[in-house]
């Protein structure tokens, strides 16, 4: 007799983990949530009366090879936060408010502690961003993943009034670019970073350049959520464009919102590049062009505002350490 468990899938372990995470997930529920955990579909009711012309905005993403660092560190409580914050940023730069998040967690053999920590990270970030963790899927797939490995994906859904959409169409020549710091690599460039760093260091090594922080700790720094920063920005200035600096770096992401005939002129000396990026470039002899296209280099969000609003933004967002990094010019 061969059971499903013999084939590598432990249904009871999965059900036990679902029971464990229920209190975490329920803490994220907002007024719009209409179903509890376990339904075939998740129901969410939006109060459309709060909007004149509501537009739904969504995004889906993963964490990428940052997961390999989590495996090596046996630390799983941050990558879930990374995924939620990344997705929130992707719709927040469009002007949207996040409503709910759905996750997908797949693994070869379910490690309940690792799975619990991942979902704890989802829940923590959802709470901080005011969105509900409304549904998810845990898949156990033997032979697909190596021992102790898993993959993550997530989908965010939000809403914005049509008149409040930020898409870069209002950007003009001469507008200022204001950058906001990242906490590190966020969730992009890890294939290059790992290739360079792990040829020289173990995850627990603490290079002098990192001032007592280990390689693993630096690489697992949680992806920043800019939702509150964007709210402050919009109250302080006319925000004509917002850039979430992800894969492709500052150049690749900025061009996604530039109207035809315009481009950015960035002063890469305007801010202090965090030591982790300098370490990667030095050890790997990485060309500057590759550094700029692979990494955020310490700037995770860029706001495009009229020159006359720069002082207001710098004052209103002082605690976020903004810096003027360039201007919009004719291409």
C-alpha atoms as a PDB file:
ATOM      1  CA  UNK A   1       0.000   0.000   0.000  1.00  0.00           C
ATOM      2  CA  UNK A   2       1.352   3.421  -0.996  1.00  0.00           C
ATOM      3  CA  UNK A   3      -0.087   6.559   0.607  1.00  0.00           C
ATOM      4  CA  UNK A   4       0.038  10.170  -0.515  1.00  0.00           C
ATOM      5  CA  UNK A   5       2.470  10.774   2.351  1.00  0.00           C
ATOM      6  CA  UNK A   6       4.712   8.006   0.991  1.00  0.00           C
ATOM      7  CA  UNK A   7       4.774   9.905  -2.303  1.00  0.00           C
ATOM      8  CA  UNK A   8       6.060  12.999  -0.495  1.00  0.00           C
ATOM      9  CA  UNK A   9       2.921  15.026   0.239  1.00  0.00           C
ATOM     10  CA  UNK A  10       1.804  15.375   3.859  1.00  0.00           C
ATOM     11  CA  UNK A  11      -1.765  16.681   3.790  1.00  0.00           C
ATOM     12  CA  UNK A  12      -2.087  16.628   7.576  1.00  0.00           C
ATOM     13  CA  UNK A  13       1.046  18.767   8.008  1.00  0.00           C
ATOM     14  CA  UNK A  14      -0.386  21.291   5.567  1.00  0.00           C
ATOM     15  CA  UNK A  15      -3.673  21.454   7.435  1.00  0.00           C
ATOM     16  CA  UNK A  16      -1.834  21.852  10.721  1.00  0.00           C
ATOM     17  CA  UNK A  17       0.127  24.816   9.355  1.00  0.00           C
ATOM     18  CA  UNK A  18      -3.064  26.458   8.095  1.00  0.00           C
ATOM     19  CA  UNK A  19      -4.490  26.196  11.625  1.00  0.00           C
ATOM     20  CA  UNK A  20      -1.321  27.779  13.046  1.00  0.00           C
ATOM     21  CA  UNK A  21      -1.372  30.762  10.700  1.00  0.00           C
ATOM     22  CA  UNK A  22      -5.058  31.614  11.093  1.00  0.00           C
ATOM     23  CA  UNK A  23      -4.507  34.059  13.996  1.00  0.00           C
ATOM     24  CA  UNK A  24      -1.744  35.830  12.042  1.00  0.00           C
ATOM     25  CA  UNK A  25      -3.851  36.175   8.928  1.00  0.00           C
ATOM     26  CA  UNK A  26      -7.008  37.291  10.735  1.00  0.00           C
ATOM     27  CA  UNK A  27      -5.067  40.187  12.297  1.00  0.00           C
ATOM     28  CA  UNK A  28      -4.677  41.630   8.785  1.00  0.00           C
ATOM     29  CA  UNK A  29      -8.402  41.581   7.986  1.00  0.00           C
ATOM     30  CA  UNK A  30      -9.893  44.950   7.174  1.00  0.00           C
ATOM     31  CA  UNK A  31     -13.552  45.981   6.980  1.00  0.00           C
ATOM     32  CA  UNK A  32     -13.832  44.817   3.387  1.00  0.00           C
ATOM     33  CA  UNK A  33     -13.010  41.161   4.071  1.00  0.00           C
ATOM     34  CA  UNK A  34     -16.133  38.995   3.841  1.00  0.00           C
ATOM     35  CA  UNK A  35     -14.777  35.444   4.104  1.00  0.00           C
ATOM     36  CA  UNK A  36     -12.659  33.573   6.623  1.00  0.00           C
ATOM     37  CA  UNK A  37      -9.685  31.375   5.766  1.00  0.00           C
ATOM     38  CA  UNK A  38     -10.542  28.203   3.863  1.00  0.00           C
ATOM     39  CA  UNK A  39     -13.185  29.288   1.360  1.00  0.00           C
ATOM     40  CA  UNK A  40     -12.729  28.424  -2.324  1.00  0.00           C
ATOM     41  CA  UNK A  41     -12.553  32.130  -3.147  1.00  0.00           C
ATOM     42  CA  UNK A  42     -11.827  35.231  -1.093  1.00  0.00           C
ATOM     43  CA  UNK A  43     -14.524  37.897  -0.984  1.00  0.00           C
ATOM     44  CA  UNK A  44     -13.709  41.580  -0.530  1.00  0.00           C
ATOM     45  CA  UNK A  45     -16.260  44.381  -0.542  1.00  0.00           C
ATOM     46  CA  UNK A  46     -15.092  47.835  -1.602  1.00  0.00           C
ATOM     47  CA  UNK A  47     -16.978  50.942  -0.497  1.00  0.00           C
ATOM     48  CA  UNK A  48     -17.204  52.528  -3.938  1.00  0.00           C
ATOM     49  CA  UNK A  49     -18.950  55.561  -2.453  1.00  0.00           C
ATOM     50  CA  UNK A  50     -15.505  56.815  -1.414  1.00  0.00           C
ATOM     51  CA  UNK A  51     -14.489  57.184  -5.078  1.00  0.00           C
ATOM     52  CA  UNK A  52     -15.716  59.263  -7.999  1.00  0.00           C
ATOM     53  CA  UNK A  53     -14.329  57.038 -10.764  1.00  0.00           C
ATOM     54  CA  UNK A  54     -12.528  54.070  -9.168  1.00  0.00           C
ATOM     55  CA  UNK A  55      -9.857  52.172 -11.075  1.00  0.00           C
ATOM     56  CA  UNK A  56      -8.496  48.820  -9.880  1.00  0.00           C
ATOM     57  CA  UNK A  57      -4.705  48.452  -9.913  1.00  0.00           C
ATOM     58  CA  UNK A  58      -2.886  45.139  -9.497  1.00  0.00           C
ATOM     59  CA  UNK A  59       0.613  43.701  -9.565  1.00  0.00           C
ATOM     60  CA  UNK A  60       2.229  40.275  -9.198  1.00  0.00           C
ATOM     61  CA  UNK A  61       5.828  39.479  -8.297  1.00  0.00           C
ATOM     62  CA  UNK A  62       8.249  37.139  -6.566  1.00  0.00           C
ATOM     63  CA  UNK A  63      11.340  37.477  -4.386  1.00  0.00           C
ATOM     64  CA  UNK A  64      13.833  35.942  -6.825  1.00  0.00           C
ATOM     65  CA  UNK A  65      17.166  34.495  -5.764  1.00  0.00           C
ATOM     66  CA  UNK A  66      17.149  36.456  -2.516  1.00  0.00           C
ATOM     67  CA  UNK A  67      15.507  33.257  -1.324  1.00  0.00           C
ATOM     68  CA  UNK A  68      18.855  31.461  -1.682  1.00  0.00           C
ATOM     69  CA  UNK A  69      20.248  33.762   1.004  1.00  0.00           C
ATOM     70  CA  UNK A  70      17.280  33.006   3.272  1.00  0.00           C
ATOM     71  CA  UNK A  71      17.925  29.279   2.819  1.00  0.00           C
ATOM     72  CA  UNK A  72      21.619  29.689   3.644  1.00  0.00           C
ATOM     73  CA  UNK A  73      20.842  31.796   6.729  1.00  0.00           C
ATOM     74  CA  UNK A  74      17.903  29.600   7.757  1.00  0.00           C
ATOM     75  CA  UNK A  75      15.997  32.849   8.242  1.00  0.00           C
ATOM     76  CA  UNK A  76      12.532  32.951   6.729  1.00  0.00           C
ATOM     77  CA  UNK A  77      10.661  35.767   8.504  1.00  0.00           C
ATOM     78  CA  UNK A  78      11.797  38.592   6.199  1.00  0.00           C
ATOM     79  CA  UNK A  79      11.235  37.365   2.632  1.00  0.00           C
ATOM     80  CA  UNK A  80       7.463  37.449   3.080  1.00  0.00           C
ATOM     81  CA  UNK A  81       7.736  41.109   4.080  1.00  0.00           C
ATOM     82  CA  UNK A  82       9.910  41.713   1.017  1.00  0.00           C
ATOM     83  CA  UNK A  83       7.259  40.359  -1.306  1.00  0.00           C
ATOM     84  CA  UNK A  84       4.353  42.314   0.174  1.00  0.00           C
ATOM     85  CA  UNK A  85       6.300  45.584   0.291  1.00  0.00           C
ATOM     86  CA  UNK A  86       7.553  45.154  -3.272  1.00  0.00           C
ATOM     87  CA  UNK A  87       4.026  44.591  -4.568  1.00  0.00           C
ATOM     88  CA  UNK A  88       2.602  47.468  -2.497  1.00  0.00           C
ATOM     89  CA  UNK A  89       5.218  49.829  -3.921  1.00  0.00           C
ATOM     90  CA  UNK A  90       4.415  48.783  -7.474  1.00  0.00           C
ATOM     91  CA  UNK A  91       0.832  49.984  -7.164  1.00  0.00           C
ATOM     92  CA  UNK A  92       1.509  52.845  -4.735  1.00  0.00           C
ATOM     93  CA  UNK A  93       3.686  54.594  -7.349  1.00  0.00           C
ATOM     94  CA  UNK A  94       0.583  54.556  -9.583  1.00  0.00           C
ATOM     95  CA  UNK A  95      -1.313  56.426  -6.870  1.00  0.00           C
ATOM     96  CA  UNK A  96      -3.216  53.363  -5.628  1.00  0.00           C
ATOM     97  CA  UNK A  97      -4.112  52.298  -2.101  1.00  0.00           C
ATOM     98  CA  UNK A  98      -3.626  48.553  -1.473  1.00  0.00           C
ATOM     99  CA  UNK A  99      -6.758  46.599  -0.580  1.00  0.00           C
ATOM    100  CA  UNK A 100      -5.699  42.966  -0.363  1.00  0.00           C
ATOM    101  CA  UNK A 101      -2.826  40.560  -1.005  1.00  0.00           C
ATOM    102  CA  UNK A 102      -2.754  36.907  -2.068  1.00  0.00           C
ATOM    103  CA  UNK A 103       0.265  34.650  -1.682  1.00  0.00           C
ATOM    104  CA  UNK A 104       1.606  31.453  -3.230  1.00  0.00           C
ATOM    105  CA  UNK A 105       4.081  29.335  -1.229  1.00  0.00           C
ATOM    106  CA  UNK A 106       5.455  26.208  -2.907  1.00  0.00           C
ATOM    107  CA  UNK A 107       8.007  23.757  -1.568  1.00  0.00           C
ATOM    108  CA  UNK A 108       9.301  20.223  -2.024  1.00  0.00           C
ATOM    109  CA  UNK A 109       8.618  19.016   1.502  1.00  0.00           C
ATOM    110  CA  UNK A 110       6.772  21.291   3.893  1.00  0.00           C
ATOM    111  CA  UNK A 111       8.886  22.557   6.771  1.00  0.00           C
ATOM    112  CA  UNK A 112       6.216  23.877   9.095  1.00  0.00           C
ATOM    113  CA  UNK A 113       8.511  26.270  10.957  1.00  0.00           C
ATOM    114  CA  UNK A 114       9.918  27.813   7.777  1.00  0.00           C
ATOM    115  CA  UNK A 115       6.447  28.037   6.237  1.00  0.00           C
ATOM    116  CA  UNK A 116       5.035  29.639   9.356  1.00  0.00           C
ATOM    117  CA  UNK A 117       7.814  32.232   9.425  1.00  0.00           C
ATOM    118  CA  UNK A 118       7.291  33.122   5.754  1.00  0.00           C
ATOM    119  CA  UNK A 119       3.575  33.661   6.252  1.00  0.00           C
ATOM    120  CA  UNK A 120       4.244  35.558   9.475  1.00  0.00           C
ATOM    121  CA  UNK A 121       6.243  37.936   7.278  1.00  0.00           C
ATOM    122  CA  UNK A 122       3.340  38.264   4.836  1.00  0.00           C
ATOM    123  CA  UNK A 123       0.992  39.082   7.701  1.00  0.00           C
ATOM    124  CA  UNK A 124       3.348  41.582   9.343  1.00  0.00           C
ATOM    125  CA  UNK A 125       3.811  43.570   6.149  1.00  0.00           C
ATOM    126  CA  UNK A 126       0.108  43.440   5.272  1.00  0.00           C
ATOM    127  CA  UNK A 127      -0.738  44.876   8.684  1.00  0.00           C
ATOM    128  CA  UNK A 128       1.853  47.628   8.295  1.00  0.00           C
ATOM    129  CA  UNK A 129       0.505  48.527   4.842  1.00  0.00           C
ATOM    130  CA  UNK A 130      -3.152  48.394   5.877  1.00  0.00           C
ATOM    131  CA  UNK A 131      -4.090  45.646   3.432  1.00  0.00           C
ATOM    132  CA  UNK A 132      -5.678  42.281   4.070  1.00  0.00           C
ATOM    133  CA  UNK A 133      -3.956  38.938   3.550  1.00  0.00           C
ATOM    134  CA  UNK A 134      -7.095  37.580   2.008  1.00  0.00           C
ATOM    135  CA  UNK A 135      -6.026  34.283   0.494  1.00  0.00           C
ATOM    136  CA  UNK A 136      -3.159  32.024  -0.411  1.00  0.00           C
ATOM    137  CA  UNK A 137      -1.980  28.647  -1.603  1.00  0.00           C
ATOM    138  CA  UNK A 138       0.538  26.273  -0.057  1.00  0.00           C
ATOM    139  CA  UNK A 139       1.784  23.632  -2.491  1.00  0.00           C
ATOM    140  CA  UNK A 140       3.962  20.648  -1.610  1.00  0.00           C
ATOM    141  CA  UNK A 141       5.686  19.361  -4.755  1.00  0.00           C
ATOM    142  CA  UNK A 142       8.306  16.644  -4.241  1.00  0.00           C
ATOM    143  CA  UNK A 143      11.205  16.535  -6.732  1.00  0.00           C
ATOM    144  CA  UNK A 144      10.608  20.133  -7.886  1.00  0.00           C
ATOM    145  CA  UNK A 145      12.621  21.835  -5.122  1.00  0.00           C
ATOM    146  CA  UNK A 146      15.788  20.889  -3.278  1.00  0.00           C
ATOM    147  CA  UNK A 147      15.855  20.032   0.427  1.00  0.00           C
ATOM    148  CA  UNK A 148      14.760  23.056   2.452  1.00  0.00           C
ATOM    149  CA  UNK A 149      13.924  25.171  -0.616  1.00  0.00           C
ATOM    150  CA  UNK A 150      10.718  26.949  -1.574  1.00  0.00           C
ATOM    151  CA  UNK A 151       9.450  29.672  -3.880  1.00  0.00           C
ATOM    152  CA  UNK A 152       7.108  32.595  -3.316  1.00  0.00           C
ATOM    153  CA  UNK A 153       4.790  34.683  -5.450  1.00  0.00           C
ATOM    154  CA  UNK A 154       2.263  37.309  -4.511  1.00  0.00           C
ATOM    155  CA  UNK A 155      -0.489  39.422  -6.001  1.00  0.00           C
ATOM    156  CA  UNK A 156      -1.643  42.800  -4.724  1.00  0.00           C
ATOM    157  CA  UNK A 157      -4.910  44.515  -5.622  1.00  0.00           C
ATOM    158  CA  UNK A 158      -5.616  48.169  -4.911  1.00  0.00           C
ATOM    159  CA  UNK A 159      -7.761  51.069  -6.057  1.00  0.00           C
ATOM    160  CA  UNK A 160      -7.259  54.667  -7.134  1.00  0.00           C
ATOM    161  CA  UNK A 161      -9.616  57.395  -8.282  1.00  0.00           C
ATOM    162  CA  UNK A 162      -8.998  57.975 -11.971  1.00  0.00           C
ATOM    163  CA  UNK A 163      -8.201  61.648 -11.400  1.00  0.00           C
ATOM    164  CA  UNK A 164      -5.510  60.636  -8.897  1.00  0.00           C
ATOM    165  CA  UNK A 165      -3.616  58.195 -11.122  1.00  0.00           C
ATOM    166  CA  UNK A 166       0.118  58.904 -11.304  1.00  0.00           C
ATOM    167  CA  UNK A 167       1.525  57.654 -14.607  1.00  0.00           C
ATOM    168  CA  UNK A 168       4.172  60.194 -15.597  1.00  0.00           C
ATOM    169  CA  UNK A 169       2.050  61.819 -18.296  1.00  0.00           C
ATOM    170  CA  UNK A 170       2.332  65.186 -16.494  1.00  0.00           C
ATOM    171  CA  UNK A 171       6.161  65.095 -16.319  1.00  0.00           C
ATOM    172  CA  UNK A 172       7.822  68.135 -17.920  1.00  0.00           C
ATOM    173  CA  UNK A 173      11.335  69.106 -18.910  1.00  0.00           C
ATOM    174  CA  UNK A 174      13.088  70.716 -15.965  1.00  0.00           C
ATOM    175  CA  UNK A 175      11.235  68.748 -13.280  1.00  0.00           C
ATOM    176  CA  UNK A 176      13.318  67.641 -10.302  1.00  0.00           C
ATOM    177  CA  UNK A 177      14.133  64.051  -9.362  1.00  0.00           C
ATOM    178  CA  UNK A 178      14.035  63.426  -5.614  1.00  0.00           C
ATOM    179  CA  UNK A 179      15.400  60.097  -4.386  1.00  0.00           C
ATOM    180  CA  UNK A 180      14.497  58.194  -1.236  1.00  0.00           C
ATOM    181  CA  UNK A 181      16.905  55.687   0.331  1.00  0.00           C
ATOM    182  CA  UNK A 182      16.630  51.934   0.001  1.00  0.00           C
ATOM    183  CA  UNK A 183      17.574  49.521   2.776  1.00  0.00           C
ATOM    184  CA  UNK A 184      19.906  47.628   0.461  1.00  0.00           C
ATOM    185  CA  UNK A 185      19.372  45.507  -2.630  1.00  0.00           C
ATOM    186  CA  UNK A 186      15.641  45.170  -1.857  1.00  0.00           C
ATOM    187  CA  UNK A 187      14.658  42.227  -4.107  1.00  0.00           C
ATOM    188  CA  UNK A 188      16.726  42.753  -7.253  1.00  0.00           C
ATOM    189  CA  UNK A 189      20.248  42.006  -8.426  1.00  0.00           C
ATOM    190  CA  UNK A 190      20.789  38.978  -6.200  1.00  0.00           C
ATOM    191  CA  UNK A 191      22.124  36.692  -8.918  1.00  0.00           C
ATOM    192  CA  UNK A 192      24.999  39.123  -9.516  1.00  0.00           C
ATOM    193  CA  UNK A 193      25.466  39.902  -5.816  1.00  0.00           C
ATOM    194  CA  UNK A 194      25.592  36.234  -4.818  1.00  0.00           C
ATOM    195  CA  UNK A 195      27.928  35.373  -7.695  1.00  0.00           C
ATOM    196  CA  UNK A 196      30.401  37.993  -6.498  1.00  0.00           C
ATOM    197  CA  UNK A 197      30.082  37.871  -2.714  1.00  0.00           C
ATOM    198  CA  UNK A 198      29.923  34.113  -2.202  1.00  0.00           C
ATOM    199  CA  UNK A 199      33.134  33.652  -4.154  1.00  0.00           C
ATOM    200  CA  UNK A 200      34.807  35.515  -1.285  1.00  0.00           C
ATOM    201  CA  UNK A 201      32.624  35.183   1.795  1.00  0.00           C
ATOM    202  CA  UNK A 202      30.271  32.937   3.712  1.00  0.00           C
ATOM    203  CA  UNK A 203      26.868  34.348   4.720  1.00  0.00           C
ATOM    204  CA  UNK A 204      28.085  34.717   8.303  1.00  0.00           C
ATOM    205  CA  UNK A 205      31.280  36.619   7.459  1.00  0.00           C
ATOM    206  CA  UNK A 206      31.459  40.253   8.535  1.00  0.00           C
ATOM    207  CA  UNK A 207      33.618  42.311   6.156  1.00  0.00           C
ATOM    208  CA  UNK A 208      35.124  45.467   7.585  1.00  0.00           C
ATOM    209  CA  UNK A 209      33.219  47.542   5.011  1.00  0.00           C
ATOM    210  CA  UNK A 210      29.863  46.456   6.460  1.00  0.00           C
ATOM    211  CA  UNK A 211      30.671  47.763   9.960  1.00  0.00           C
ATOM    212  CA  UNK A 212      29.829  44.638  11.925  1.00  0.00           C
ATOM    213  CA  UNK A 213      26.922  43.435   9.772  1.00  0.00           C
ATOM    214  CA  UNK A 214      27.238  39.983   8.218  1.00  0.00           C
ATOM    215  CA  UNK A 215      26.941  39.354   4.493  1.00  0.00           C
ATOM    216  CA  UNK A 216      23.707  37.441   5.076  1.00  0.00           C
ATOM    217  CA  UNK A 217      22.191  40.149   7.278  1.00  0.00           C
ATOM    218  CA  UNK A 218      23.015  42.845   4.729  1.00  0.00           C
ATOM    219  CA  UNK A 219      21.514  40.839   1.878  1.00  0.00           C
ATOM    220  CA  UNK A 220      18.343  40.030   3.840  1.00  0.00           C
ATOM    221  CA  UNK A 221      17.552  43.645   4.785  1.00  0.00           C
ATOM    222  CA  UNK A 222      13.809  44.031   4.264  1.00  0.00           C
ATOM    223  CA  UNK A 223      12.562  45.746   1.105  1.00  0.00           C
ATOM    224  CA  UNK A 224      11.226  49.157   2.158  1.00  0.00           C
ATOM    225  CA  UNK A 225       7.541  50.002   1.810  1.00  0.00           C
ATOM    226  CA  UNK A 226       7.172  53.546   0.465  1.00  0.00           C
ATOM    227  CA  UNK A 227       3.400  53.749   0.922  1.00  0.00           C
ATOM    228  CA  UNK A 228       3.535  56.262   3.783  1.00  0.00           C
ATOM    229  CA  UNK A 229       6.288  58.232   2.056  1.00  0.00           C
ATOM    230  CA  UNK A 230       4.146  58.560  -1.062  1.00  0.00           C
ATOM    231  CA  UNK A 231       1.211  59.754   1.054  1.00  0.00           C
ATOM    232  CA  UNK A 232       3.427  62.468   2.568  1.00  0.00           C
ATOM    233  CA  UNK A 233       4.762  63.406  -0.859  1.00  0.00           C
ATOM    234  CA  UNK A 234       1.315  63.895  -2.312  1.00  0.00           C
ATOM    235  CA  UNK A 235       0.300  66.172   0.549  1.00  0.00           C
ATOM    236  CA  UNK A 236       3.417  68.310   0.110  1.00  0.00           C
ATOM    237  CA  UNK A 237       3.745  68.688  -3.653  1.00  0.00           C
ATOM    238  CA  UNK A 238       2.406  68.114  -7.113  1.00  0.00           C
ATOM    239  CA  UNK A 239       3.765  64.642  -7.777  1.00  0.00           C
ATOM    240  CA  UNK A 240       4.051  64.204 -11.533  1.00  0.00           C
ATOM    241  CA  UNK A 241       5.701  60.821 -11.531  1.00  0.00           C
ATOM    242  CA  UNK A 242       6.909  58.094  -9.168  1.00  0.00           C
ATOM    243  CA  UNK A 243       9.493  55.407  -9.834  1.00  0.00           C
ATOM    244  CA  UNK A 244       9.877  52.192  -7.842  1.00  0.00           C
ATOM    245  CA  UNK A 245      13.521  51.279  -8.494  1.00  0.00           C
ATOM    246  CA  UNK A 246      13.546  47.509  -9.069  1.00  0.00           C
ATOM    247  CA  UNK A 247      15.137  45.308 -11.750  1.00  0.00           C
ATOM    248  CA  UNK A 248      16.721  47.560 -14.354  1.00  0.00           C
ATOM    249  CA  UNK A 249      17.897  50.078 -11.776  1.00  0.00           C
ATOM    250  CA  UNK A 250      17.286  53.804 -11.966  1.00  0.00           C
ATOM    251  CA  UNK A 251      17.628  54.064 -15.774  1.00  0.00           C
ATOM    252  CA  UNK A 252      15.434  51.088 -16.623  1.00  0.00           C
ATOM    253  CA  UNK A 253      12.605  52.001 -14.291  1.00  0.00           C
ATOM    254  CA  UNK A 254      12.589  55.760 -14.840  1.00  0.00           C
ATOM    255  CA  UNK A 255      12.000  55.398 -18.551  1.00  0.00           C
ATOM    256  CA  UNK A 256       8.759  53.544 -17.803  1.00  0.00           C
ATOM    257  CA  UNK A 257       7.127  56.841 -16.822  1.00  0.00           C
ATOM    258  CA  UNK A 258       8.923  59.323 -19.082  1.00  0.00           C
ATOM    259  CA  UNK A 259       6.780  60.948 -21.799  1.00  0.00           C
ATOM    260  CA  UNK A 260       8.135  60.753 -25.337  1.00  0.00           C
ATOM    261  CA  UNK A 261      10.983  63.183 -25.890  1.00  0.00           C
ATOM    262  CA  UNK A 262      12.100  63.264 -22.243  1.00  0.00           C
ATOM    263  CA  UNK A 263      14.656  61.395 -20.178  1.00  0.00           C
ATOM    264  CA  UNK A 264      16.362  61.658 -16.805  1.00  0.00           C
ATOM    265  CA  UNK A 265      19.722  63.214 -16.046  1.00  0.00           C
ATOM    266  CA  UNK A 266      20.950  61.631 -12.801  1.00  0.00           C
ATOM    267  CA  UNK A 267      23.895  62.782 -10.704  1.00  0.00           C
ATOM    268  CA  UNK A 268      25.150  59.496  -9.251  1.00  0.00           C
ATOM    269  CA  UNK A 269      27.430  61.448  -6.912  1.00  0.00           C
ATOM    270  CA  UNK A 270      24.477  63.191  -5.232  1.00  0.00           C
ATOM    271  CA  UNK A 271      24.125  60.541  -2.529  1.00  0.00           C
ATOM    272  CA  UNK A 272      26.423  58.252  -0.578  1.00  0.00           C
ATOM    273  CA  UNK A 273      26.309  54.797  -2.146  1.00  0.00           C
ATOM    274  CA  UNK A 274      25.820  52.186   0.629  1.00  0.00           C
ATOM    275  CA  UNK A 275      28.888  50.093   1.402  1.00  0.00           C
ATOM    276  CA  UNK A 276      27.326  46.841   0.214  1.00  0.00           C
ATOM    277  CA  UNK A 277      27.180  48.078  -3.378  1.00  0.00           C
ATOM    278  CA  UNK A 278      30.744  49.341  -3.273  1.00  0.00           C
ATOM    279  CA  UNK A 279      31.879  45.985  -1.882  1.00  0.00           C
ATOM    280  CA  UNK A 280      30.168  44.108  -4.706  1.00  0.00           C
ATOM    281  CA  UNK A 281      31.650  46.387  -7.348  1.00  0.00           C
ATOM    282  CA  UNK A 282      35.168  46.139  -5.935  1.00  0.00           C
ATOM    283  CA  UNK A 283      35.247  42.388  -5.385  1.00  0.00           C
ATOM    284  CA  UNK A 284      33.698  41.559  -8.738  1.00  0.00           C
ATOM    285  CA  UNK A 285      35.279  44.352 -10.738  1.00  0.00           C
ATOM    286  CA  UNK A 286      31.721  45.027 -11.919  1.00  0.00           C
ATOM    287  CA  UNK A 287      31.430  47.737 -14.599  1.00  0.00           C
ATOM    288  CA  UNK A 288      29.557  50.855 -13.532  1.00  0.00           C
ATOM    289  CA  UNK A 289      27.014  50.289 -16.303  1.00  0.00           C
ATOM    290  CA  UNK A 290      26.146  46.879 -14.858  1.00  0.00           C
ATOM    291  CA  UNK A 291      25.926  48.293 -11.342  1.00  0.00           C
ATOM    292  CA  UNK A 292      23.426  50.906 -12.501  1.00  0.00           C
ATOM    293  CA  UNK A 293      21.274  48.419 -14.424  1.00  0.00           C
ATOM    294  CA  UNK A 294      21.304  45.623 -11.832  1.00  0.00           C
ATOM    295  CA  UNK A 295      20.956  47.510  -8.550  1.00  0.00           C
ATOM    296  CA  UNK A 296      19.097  50.442  -7.017  1.00  0.00           C
ATOM    297  CA  UNK A 297      22.455  51.702  -5.614  1.00  0.00           C
ATOM    298  CA  UNK A 298      20.768  53.020  -2.493  1.00  0.00           C
ATOM    299  CA  UNK A 299      17.771  54.796  -4.036  1.00  0.00           C
ATOM    300  CA  UNK A 300      14.530  52.793  -3.872  1.00  0.00           C
ATOM    301  CA  UNK A 301      11.985  55.468  -4.825  1.00  0.00           C
ATOM    302  CA  UNK A 302      12.179  58.528  -7.074  1.00  0.00           C
ATOM    303  CA  UNK A 303       9.617  61.318  -7.098  1.00  0.00           C
ATOM    304  CA  UNK A 304       9.333  63.658 -10.076  1.00  0.00           C
ATOM    305  CA  UNK A 305       8.100  67.071  -8.961  1.00  0.00           C
ATOM    306  CA  UNK A 306       8.170  70.679 -10.260  1.00  0.00           C
ATOM    307  CA  UNK A 307      11.276  72.606  -9.234  1.00  0.00           C
ATOM    308  CA  UNK A 308       9.164  74.999  -7.143  1.00  0.00           C
ATOM    309  CA  UNK A 309       8.004  72.091  -4.966  1.00  0.00           C
ATOM    310  CA  UNK A 310      11.453  70.725  -4.110  1.00  0.00           C
ATOM    311  CA  UNK A 311      11.852  72.673  -0.855  1.00  0.00           C
ATOM    312  CA  UNK A 312       8.388  71.584   0.318  1.00  0.00           C
ATOM    313  CA  UNK A 313       9.167  67.927  -0.353  1.00  0.00           C
ATOM    314  CA  UNK A 314      12.535  68.043   1.391  1.00  0.00           C
ATOM    315  CA  UNK A 315      10.949  69.660   4.443  1.00  0.00           C
ATOM    316  CA  UNK A 316       7.840  67.461   4.622  1.00  0.00           C
ATOM    317  CA  UNK A 317       9.796  64.230   4.166  1.00  0.00           C
ATOM    318  CA  UNK A 318      12.896  65.198   6.141  1.00  0.00           C
ATOM    319  CA  UNK A 319      12.818  62.049   8.282  1.00  0.00           C
ATOM    320  CA  UNK A 320      12.910  59.925   5.109  1.00  0.00           C
ATOM    321  CA  UNK A 321      16.273  61.491   4.127  1.00  0.00           C
ATOM    322  CA  UNK A 322      15.329  62.594   0.587  1.00  0.00           C
ATOM    323  CA  UNK A 323      17.966  63.919  -1.784  1.00  0.00           C
ATOM    324  CA  UNK A 324      17.768  65.746  -5.105  1.00  0.00           C
ATOM    325  CA  UNK A 325      19.432  63.401  -7.585  1.00  0.00           C
ATOM    326  CA  UNK A 326      18.803  65.019 -10.961  1.00  0.00           C
ATOM    327  CA  UNK A 327      16.393  66.556 -13.414  1.00  0.00           C
ATOM    328  CA  UNK A 328      14.206  65.695 -16.396  1.00  0.00           C
ATOM    329  CA  UNK A 329      15.769  66.762 -19.692  1.00  0.00           C
ATOM    330  CA  UNK A 330      14.996  66.532 -23.386  1.00  0.00           C
ATOM    331  CA  UNK A 331      16.109  63.245 -24.905  1.00  0.00           C
END
